[in-house]
Amino acid sequence: KDECLLLLQSIYGLVQAASQWWKKFVKILIHIGFTMSKADPCLLTRRSRRGIVFVGLYVDDCLCIGQENAINEVIELLKENGLKLKLEDELIDYLSCEVVFNKRKDEAWLGQPHLLKNLRKTFGNDVKHMQKYKTPGTPGFGILRNVSEDQRL
């Protein structure tokens, strides 16, 4: 006998699983008021009377940044929409990038020192006379935290 099964949801471990999860998560985020960035579909933003929240999605990893009251509101809305969340109190690593905050927790450095070490080890002689850069971003510019409720990004 020939038989066929209809797959009703993605199964963890399949190639399509991460893509299906991303699509479902984005659909829920848009449903609860997020808008997708025109510059990057992995960045979504939500503004409410409680503040602004940025969500960065990469495959099946999510980074949520914003004012605490606004983030708590988003967490509750996500739970109401059937998501089970794993929350981390302190961010020290995201997508293999080391994250180091200053004492006030209002600035952070993101980097991949382990990757740079391996690159230097592998290509050290080939690149030792090349110009060194502190950051791939524009020197002197950075992302600044919104310091008051009156300021808009």
N, C-alpha and C. Protein backbone atom coordinates (compact mmCIF):
# COMPACT_ATOMS: atom_id res chain seq x y z
N LYS A 1 0.83 -1.20 0.00
CA LYS A 1 0.00 0.00 0.00
C LYS A 1 0.86 1.25 0.00
N ASP A 2 0.45 2.21 -0.78
CA ASP A 2 1.11 3.52 -0.73
C ASP A 2 0.42 4.37 0.33
N GLU A 3 1.21 4.95 1.20
CA GLU A 3 0.65 5.83 2.23
C GLU A 3 1.41 7.15 2.21
N CYS A 4 0.73 8.19 2.63
CA CYS A 4 1.32 9.52 2.67
C CYS A 4 0.92 10.19 3.98
N LEU A 5 1.86 10.89 4.59
CA LEU A 5 1.58 11.62 5.82
C LEU A 5 1.63 13.11 5.53
N LEU A 6 0.70 13.84 6.12
CA LEU A 6 0.68 15.29 6.00
C LEU A 6 1.35 15.86 7.24
N LEU A 7 2.41 16.64 7.05
CA LEU A 7 3.11 17.27 8.16
C LEU A 7 2.36 18.54 8.55
N LEU A 8 1.84 18.57 9.77
CA LEU A 8 1.04 19.70 10.22
C LEU A 8 1.88 20.80 10.88
N GLN A 9 3.05 20.48 11.35
CA GLN A 9 3.94 21.50 11.92
C GLN A 9 5.38 21.06 11.75
N SER A 10 6.29 22.05 11.80
CA SER A 10 7.70 21.69 11.62
C SER A 10 8.21 20.90 12.81
N ILE A 11 9.17 20.08 12.53
CA ILE A 11 9.76 19.23 13.56
C ILE A 11 11.18 19.70 13.81
N TYR A 12 11.51 19.86 15.07
CA TYR A 12 12.85 20.31 15.43
C TYR A 12 13.89 19.41 14.79
N GLY A 13 14.91 20.02 14.22
CA GLY A 13 15.99 19.25 13.60
C GLY A 13 15.92 19.22 12.09
N LEU A 14 14.75 19.47 11.52
CA LEU A 14 14.66 19.52 10.06
C LEU A 14 15.25 20.83 9.57
N VAL A 15 15.70 20.83 8.33
CA VAL A 15 16.27 22.03 7.74
C VAL A 15 15.27 23.18 7.78
N GLN A 16 14.00 22.88 7.56
CA GLN A 16 12.97 23.91 7.50
C GLN A 16 12.52 24.41 8.88
N ALA A 17 12.90 23.73 9.95
CA ALA A 17 12.38 24.05 11.28
C ALA A 17 12.69 25.47 11.69
N ALA A 18 13.92 25.91 11.53
CA ALA A 18 14.29 27.26 11.94
C ALA A 18 13.55 28.31 11.12
N SER A 19 13.41 28.07 9.84
CA SER A 19 12.69 29.00 8.97
C SER A 19 11.22 29.10 9.36
N GLN A 20 10.61 27.96 9.64
CA GLN A 20 9.21 27.94 10.05
C GLN A 20 9.02 28.63 11.39
N TRP A 21 9.95 28.41 12.32
CA TRP A 21 9.88 29.08 13.61
C TRP A 21 9.98 30.58 13.43
N TRP A 22 10.94 31.04 12.61
CA TRP A 22 11.14 32.47 12.36
C TRP A 22 9.86 33.09 11.79
N LYS A 23 9.26 32.43 10.81
CA LYS A 23 8.02 32.94 10.20
C LYS A 23 6.90 33.05 11.23
N LYS A 24 6.76 32.03 12.07
CA LYS A 24 5.71 32.04 13.09
C LYS A 24 5.96 33.15 14.11
N PHE A 25 7.20 33.29 14.55
CA PHE A 25 7.54 34.30 15.55
C PHE A 25 7.32 35.70 15.00
N VAL A 26 7.74 35.95 13.76
CA VAL A 26 7.53 37.27 13.14
C VAL A 26 6.04 37.56 13.01
N LYS A 27 5.26 36.56 12.64
CA LYS A 27 3.81 36.73 12.51
C LYS A 27 3.20 37.15 13.86
N ILE A 28 3.64 36.52 14.94
CA ILE A 28 3.14 36.88 16.27
C ILE A 28 3.60 38.28 16.65
N LEU A 29 4.87 38.60 16.39
CA LEU A 29 5.37 39.94 16.72
C LEU A 29 4.58 41.03 15.99
N ILE A 30 4.32 40.82 14.73
CA ILE A 30 3.53 41.80 13.95
C ILE A 30 2.11 41.88 14.51
N HIS A 31 1.55 40.74 14.89
CA HIS A 31 0.20 40.70 15.48
C HIS A 31 0.11 41.53 16.77
N ILE A 32 1.19 41.56 17.56
CA ILE A 32 1.15 42.31 18.82
C ILE A 32 1.70 43.74 18.68
N GLY A 33 1.91 44.18 17.45
CA GLY A 33 2.23 45.59 17.23
C GLY A 33 3.63 45.93 16.79
N PHE A 34 4.46 44.95 16.46
CA PHE A 34 5.81 45.24 15.98
C PHE A 34 5.76 45.57 14.49
N THR A 35 6.71 46.37 14.06
CA THR A 35 6.88 46.64 12.62
C THR A 35 8.28 46.20 12.22
N MET A 36 8.37 45.66 11.02
CA MET A 36 9.63 45.15 10.51
C MET A 36 10.43 46.30 9.91
N SER A 37 11.72 46.31 10.18
CA SER A 37 12.61 47.33 9.63
C SER A 37 12.68 47.19 8.11
N LYS A 38 12.70 48.32 7.42
CA LYS A 38 12.88 48.28 5.97
C LYS A 38 14.31 47.93 5.61
N ALA A 39 15.25 48.26 6.52
CA ALA A 39 16.66 48.00 6.26
C ALA A 39 17.05 46.55 6.51
N ASP A 40 16.38 45.90 7.48
CA ASP A 40 16.76 44.54 7.86
C ASP A 40 15.54 43.79 8.38
N PRO A 41 15.09 42.74 7.71
CA PRO A 41 13.90 42.01 8.15
C PRO A 41 14.08 41.29 9.49
N CYS A 42 15.32 41.23 9.98
CA CYS A 42 15.58 40.59 11.27
C CYS A 42 15.46 41.56 12.44
N LEU A 43 15.15 42.82 12.16
CA LEU A 43 14.98 43.83 13.20
C LEU A 43 13.54 44.31 13.21
N LEU A 44 12.88 44.16 14.36
CA LEU A 44 11.49 44.61 14.51
C LEU A 44 11.41 45.58 15.67
N THR A 45 10.48 46.54 15.57
CA THR A 45 10.35 47.59 16.58
C THR A 45 8.90 47.72 17.00
N ARG A 46 8.71 47.98 18.29
CA ARG A 46 7.36 48.22 18.82
C ARG A 46 7.41 49.42 19.75
N ARG A 47 6.53 50.38 19.50
CA ARG A 47 6.41 51.55 20.37
C ARG A 47 5.05 51.49 21.05
N SER A 48 5.06 51.74 22.36
CA SER A 48 3.81 51.80 23.11
C SER A 48 3.96 52.89 24.15
N ARG A 49 2.91 53.13 24.92
CA ARG A 49 3.00 54.15 25.97
C ARG A 49 4.02 53.76 27.04
N ARG A 50 4.38 52.51 27.10
CA ARG A 50 5.38 52.04 28.07
C ARG A 50 6.81 52.19 27.56
N GLY A 51 6.98 52.45 26.28
CA GLY A 51 8.32 52.65 25.73
C GLY A 51 8.52 51.92 24.42
N ILE A 52 9.76 51.87 24.01
CA ILE A 52 10.12 51.24 22.74
C ILE A 52 10.89 49.95 23.00
N VAL A 53 10.64 48.96 22.14
CA VAL A 53 11.32 47.67 22.23
C VAL A 53 11.85 47.31 20.85
N PHE A 54 13.11 46.88 20.80
CA PHE A 54 13.73 46.38 19.58
C PHE A 54 13.92 44.88 19.74
N VAL A 55 13.56 44.12 18.71
CA VAL A 55 13.79 42.68 18.71
C VAL A 55 14.66 42.35 17.50
N GLY A 56 15.78 41.69 17.78
CA GLY A 56 16.65 41.20 16.72
C GLY A 56 16.50 39.70 16.64
N LEU A 57 16.21 39.21 15.45
CA LEU A 57 16.03 37.76 15.24
C LEU A 57 17.10 37.25 14.29
N TYR A 58 17.71 36.15 14.66
CA TYR A 58 18.63 35.48 13.76
C TYR A 58 18.36 33.99 13.88
N VAL A 59 17.81 33.42 12.85
CA VAL A 59 17.40 32.02 12.78
C VAL A 59 16.49 31.73 13.98
N ASP A 60 17.01 31.10 15.03
CA ASP A 60 16.14 30.82 16.17
C ASP A 60 16.64 31.48 17.46
N ASP A 61 17.42 32.55 17.31
CA ASP A 61 17.88 33.33 18.45
C ASP A 61 17.23 34.70 18.42
N CYS A 62 16.86 35.19 19.60
CA CYS A 62 16.15 36.46 19.69
C CYS A 62 16.81 37.32 20.75
N LEU A 63 17.03 38.58 20.43
CA LEU A 63 17.58 39.55 21.36
C LEU A 63 16.57 40.68 21.49
N CYS A 64 16.17 40.98 22.71
CA CYS A 64 15.15 41.99 22.97
C CYS A 64 15.78 43.11 23.80
N ILE A 65 15.70 44.34 23.30
CA ILE A 65 16.29 45.50 23.96
C ILE A 65 15.24 46.59 24.05
N GLY A 66 15.17 47.24 25.21
CA GLY A 66 14.24 48.35 25.36
C GLY A 66 14.04 48.71 26.81
N GLN A 67 13.05 49.58 27.05
CA GLN A 67 12.73 49.96 28.42
C GLN A 67 12.06 48.79 29.13
N GLU A 68 12.39 48.64 30.41
CA GLU A 68 11.97 47.45 31.16
C GLU A 68 10.45 47.26 31.14
N ASN A 69 9.68 48.31 31.36
CA ASN A 69 8.21 48.17 31.36
C ASN A 69 7.70 47.73 29.99
N ALA A 70 8.30 48.26 28.94
CA ALA A 70 7.88 47.89 27.58
C ALA A 70 8.25 46.43 27.27
N ILE A 71 9.42 46.01 27.72
CA ILE A 71 9.84 44.62 27.51
C ILE A 71 8.91 43.67 28.27
N ASN A 72 8.59 44.00 29.51
CA ASN A 72 7.68 43.15 30.30
C ASN A 72 6.32 43.02 29.63
N GLU A 73 5.84 44.12 29.05
CA GLU A 73 4.56 44.08 28.32
C GLU A 73 4.66 43.11 27.13
N VAL A 74 5.76 43.17 26.39
CA VAL A 74 5.96 42.29 25.23
C VAL A 74 6.03 40.83 25.68
N ILE A 75 6.73 40.57 26.78
CA ILE A 75 6.84 39.20 27.29
C ILE A 75 5.45 38.64 27.59
N GLU A 76 4.62 39.42 28.25
CA GLU A 76 3.26 38.96 28.57
C GLU A 76 2.45 38.71 27.30
N LEU A 77 2.57 39.60 26.32
CA LEU A 77 1.84 39.41 25.06
C LEU A 77 2.30 38.16 24.32
N LEU A 78 3.59 37.89 24.35
CA LEU A 78 4.11 36.69 23.69
C LEU A 78 3.60 35.43 24.38
N LYS A 79 3.56 35.45 25.70
CA LYS A 79 3.02 34.30 26.44
C LYS A 79 1.55 34.11 26.14
N GLU A 80 0.80 35.21 26.07
CA GLU A 80 -0.63 35.12 25.74
C GLU A 80 -0.85 34.53 24.35
N ASN A 81 0.12 34.68 23.47
CA ASN A 81 0.02 34.13 22.12
C ASN A 81 0.63 32.74 22.00
N GLY A 82 0.83 32.08 23.15
CA GLY A 82 1.22 30.67 23.15
C GLY A 82 2.70 30.38 23.11
N LEU A 83 3.55 31.37 23.25
CA LEU A 83 4.99 31.10 23.21
C LEU A 83 5.53 30.81 24.61
N LYS A 84 6.42 29.85 24.67
CA LYS A 84 7.15 29.56 25.91
C LYS A 84 8.51 30.23 25.76
N LEU A 85 8.88 31.05 26.71
CA LEU A 85 10.09 31.85 26.59
C LEU A 85 11.16 31.41 27.57
N LYS A 86 12.39 31.51 27.14
CA LYS A 86 13.54 31.32 28.02
C LYS A 86 14.18 32.69 28.17
N LEU A 87 14.13 33.24 29.36
CA LEU A 87 14.64 34.58 29.60
C LEU A 87 15.98 34.52 30.32
N GLU A 88 16.90 35.35 29.88
CA GLU A 88 18.22 35.44 30.50
C GLU A 88 18.30 36.78 31.23
N ASP A 89 18.76 36.75 32.48
CA ASP A 89 18.89 37.99 33.24
C ASP A 89 20.08 38.82 32.79
N GLU A 90 21.13 38.17 32.36
CA GLU A 90 22.33 38.89 31.98
C GLU A 90 22.82 38.41 30.63
N LEU A 91 23.10 39.34 29.76
CA LEU A 91 23.57 39.03 28.42
C LEU A 91 25.10 39.08 28.41
N ILE A 92 25.73 37.94 28.15
CA ILE A 92 27.18 37.90 28.06
C ILE A 92 27.66 37.38 26.70
N ASP A 93 26.73 36.77 25.94
CA ASP A 93 27.07 36.22 24.64
C ASP A 93 25.82 36.22 23.77
N TYR A 94 25.97 36.64 22.53
CA TYR A 94 24.86 36.56 21.58
C TYR A 94 25.44 36.25 20.21
N LEU A 95 25.02 35.15 19.62
CA LEU A 95 25.46 34.71 18.30
C LEU A 95 26.98 34.65 18.22
N SER A 96 27.59 34.07 19.23
CA SER A 96 29.05 33.92 19.32
C SER A 96 29.79 35.24 19.45
N CYS A 97 29.08 36.30 19.76
CA CYS A 97 29.71 37.59 20.06
C CYS A 97 29.74 37.76 21.57
N GLU A 98 30.90 38.15 22.08
CA GLU A 98 31.02 38.45 23.49
C GLU A 98 30.39 39.82 23.73
N VAL A 99 29.60 39.96 24.80
CA VAL A 99 28.94 41.21 25.14
C VAL A 99 29.44 41.65 26.50
N VAL A 100 30.02 42.86 26.57
CA VAL A 100 30.55 43.39 27.81
C VAL A 100 29.93 44.76 28.06
N PHE A 101 29.21 44.90 29.19
CA PHE A 101 28.57 46.17 29.55
C PHE A 101 29.47 46.98 30.47
N ASN A 102 29.30 48.31 30.44
CA ASN A 102 29.99 49.14 31.41
C ASN A 102 29.27 49.03 32.75
N LYS A 103 29.80 49.66 33.79
CA LYS A 103 29.24 49.53 35.14
C LYS A 103 27.81 50.04 35.23
N ARG A 104 27.49 51.11 34.49
CA ARG A 104 26.13 51.68 34.54
C ARG A 104 25.14 50.89 33.68
N LYS A 105 25.64 49.97 32.88
CA LYS A 105 24.82 49.15 31.98
C LYS A 105 24.12 49.99 30.91
N ASP A 106 24.73 51.14 30.54
CA ASP A 106 24.11 51.95 29.50
C ASP A 106 24.93 51.96 28.20
N GLU A 107 26.05 51.23 28.21
CA GLU A 107 26.84 51.04 27.00
C GLU A 107 27.37 49.60 26.99
N ALA A 108 27.56 49.09 25.79
CA ALA A 108 28.07 47.72 25.68
C ALA A 108 29.05 47.62 24.52
N TRP A 109 29.96 46.68 24.64
CA TRP A 109 30.90 46.33 23.58
C TRP A 109 30.54 44.94 23.09
N LEU A 110 30.47 44.77 21.79
CA LEU A 110 30.24 43.46 21.20
C LEU A 110 31.45 43.11 20.36
N GLY A 111 31.96 41.92 20.52
CA GLY A 111 33.11 41.53 19.74
C GLY A 111 33.29 40.03 19.68
N GLN A 112 34.24 39.63 18.87
CA GLN A 112 34.55 38.21 18.70
C GLN A 112 36.05 38.01 18.85
N PRO A 113 36.58 38.20 20.06
CA PRO A 113 38.04 38.08 20.24
C PRO A 113 38.57 36.70 19.89
N HIS A 114 37.77 35.64 20.11
CA HIS A 114 38.22 34.29 19.76
C HIS A 114 38.40 34.15 18.25
N LEU A 115 37.52 34.77 17.47
CA LEU A 115 37.63 34.72 16.02
C LEU A 115 38.86 35.50 15.54
N LEU A 116 39.07 36.68 16.13
CA LEU A 116 40.24 37.48 15.75
C LEU A 116 41.54 36.75 16.07
N LYS A 117 41.56 36.08 17.21
CA LYS A 117 42.76 35.33 17.60
C LYS A 117 43.05 34.23 16.57
N ASN A 118 42.02 33.52 16.15
CA ASN A 118 42.20 32.45 15.15
C ASN A 118 42.63 33.02 13.80
N LEU A 119 42.06 34.17 13.43
CA LEU A 119 42.45 34.79 12.16
C LEU A 119 43.90 35.24 12.20
N ARG A 120 44.31 35.84 13.32
CA ARG A 120 45.70 36.27 13.45
C ARG A 120 46.64 35.06 13.38
N LYS A 121 46.25 33.97 14.02
CA LYS A 121 47.07 32.77 14.02
C LYS A 121 47.21 32.21 12.61
N THR A 122 46.10 32.20 11.87
CA THR A 122 46.10 31.62 10.53
C THR A 122 46.75 32.53 9.49
N PHE A 123 46.44 33.85 9.56
CA PHE A 123 46.88 34.76 8.50
C PHE A 123 47.86 35.83 8.99
N GLY A 124 48.41 35.65 10.19
CA GLY A 124 49.24 36.67 10.82
C GLY A 124 50.29 37.30 9.93
N ASN A 125 51.11 36.49 9.28
CA ASN A 125 52.18 37.02 8.43
C ASN A 125 51.64 37.74 7.20
N ASP A 126 50.52 37.29 6.69
CA ASP A 126 49.95 37.89 5.48
C ASP A 126 49.33 39.25 5.73
N VAL A 127 48.89 39.53 6.97
CA VAL A 127 48.16 40.77 7.24
C VAL A 127 48.84 41.68 8.25
N LYS A 128 50.03 41.32 8.71
CA LYS A 128 50.64 42.09 9.80
C LYS A 128 50.98 43.53 9.41
N HIS A 129 51.14 43.84 8.12
CA HIS A 129 51.46 45.20 7.69
C HIS A 129 50.23 45.97 7.23
N MET A 130 49.07 45.37 7.34
CA MET A 130 47.84 46.05 6.93
C MET A 130 47.34 46.96 8.04
N GLN A 131 46.52 47.94 7.67
CA GLN A 131 45.95 48.88 8.64
C GLN A 131 45.06 48.14 9.62
N LYS A 132 45.10 48.53 10.89
CA LYS A 132 44.26 47.92 11.92
C LYS A 132 43.10 48.85 12.22
N TYR A 133 41.93 48.27 12.42
CA TYR A 133 40.73 49.02 12.73
C TYR A 133 40.21 48.61 14.10
N LYS A 134 39.67 49.59 14.82
CA LYS A 134 39.09 49.32 16.12
C LYS A 134 37.68 48.74 15.96
N THR A 135 36.97 49.19 14.94
CA THR A 135 35.59 48.77 14.71
C THR A 135 35.29 48.82 13.22
N PRO A 136 34.38 47.96 12.75
CA PRO A 136 33.99 48.06 11.34
C PRO A 136 33.03 49.23 11.10
N GLY A 137 32.51 49.82 12.17
CA GLY A 137 31.59 50.95 12.05
C GLY A 137 32.33 52.25 11.78
N THR A 138 31.57 53.31 11.56
CA THR A 138 32.15 54.62 11.32
C THR A 138 32.82 55.12 12.60
N PRO A 139 34.10 55.48 12.55
CA PRO A 139 34.78 55.96 13.76
C PRO A 139 34.07 57.17 14.36
N GLY A 140 33.90 57.13 15.67
CA GLY A 140 33.29 58.26 16.37
C GLY A 140 31.78 58.19 16.46
N PHE A 141 31.16 57.22 15.82
CA PHE A 141 29.71 57.08 15.86
C PHE A 141 29.34 55.78 16.56
N GLY A 142 28.21 55.77 17.24
CA GLY A 142 27.74 54.57 17.91
C GLY A 142 26.23 54.64 18.10
N ILE A 143 25.67 53.60 18.65
CA ILE A 143 24.25 53.56 18.95
C ILE A 143 24.08 54.08 20.37
N LEU A 144 23.21 55.04 20.55
CA LEU A 144 23.01 55.66 21.86
C LEU A 144 21.68 55.25 22.45
N ARG A 145 21.65 55.09 23.77
CA ARG A 145 20.44 54.73 24.49
C ARG A 145 19.53 55.95 24.62
N ASN A 146 18.23 55.75 24.49
CA ASN A 146 17.23 56.78 24.73
C ASN A 146 17.20 57.04 26.23
N VAL A 147 17.61 58.24 26.68
CA VAL A 147 17.77 58.51 28.10
C VAL A 147 16.53 59.06 28.79
N SER A 148 15.53 59.48 28.04
CA SER A 148 14.30 59.96 28.66
C SER A 148 13.09 59.57 27.83
N GLU A 149 11.95 59.54 28.48
CA GLU A 149 10.72 59.17 27.80
C GLU A 149 10.34 60.17 26.71
N ASP A 150 10.79 61.43 26.84
CA ASP A 150 10.42 62.48 25.90
C ASP A 150 11.17 62.36 24.57
N GLN A 151 12.32 61.71 24.60
CA GLN A 151 13.12 61.58 23.38
C GLN A 151 12.56 60.48 22.50
N ARG A 152 12.57 60.71 21.21
CA ARG A 152 12.13 59.71 20.25
C ARG A 152 13.31 59.32 19.38
N LEU A 153 13.40 58.06 19.05
CA LEU A 153 14.49 57.60 18.20
C LEU A 153 14.15 57.82 16.75
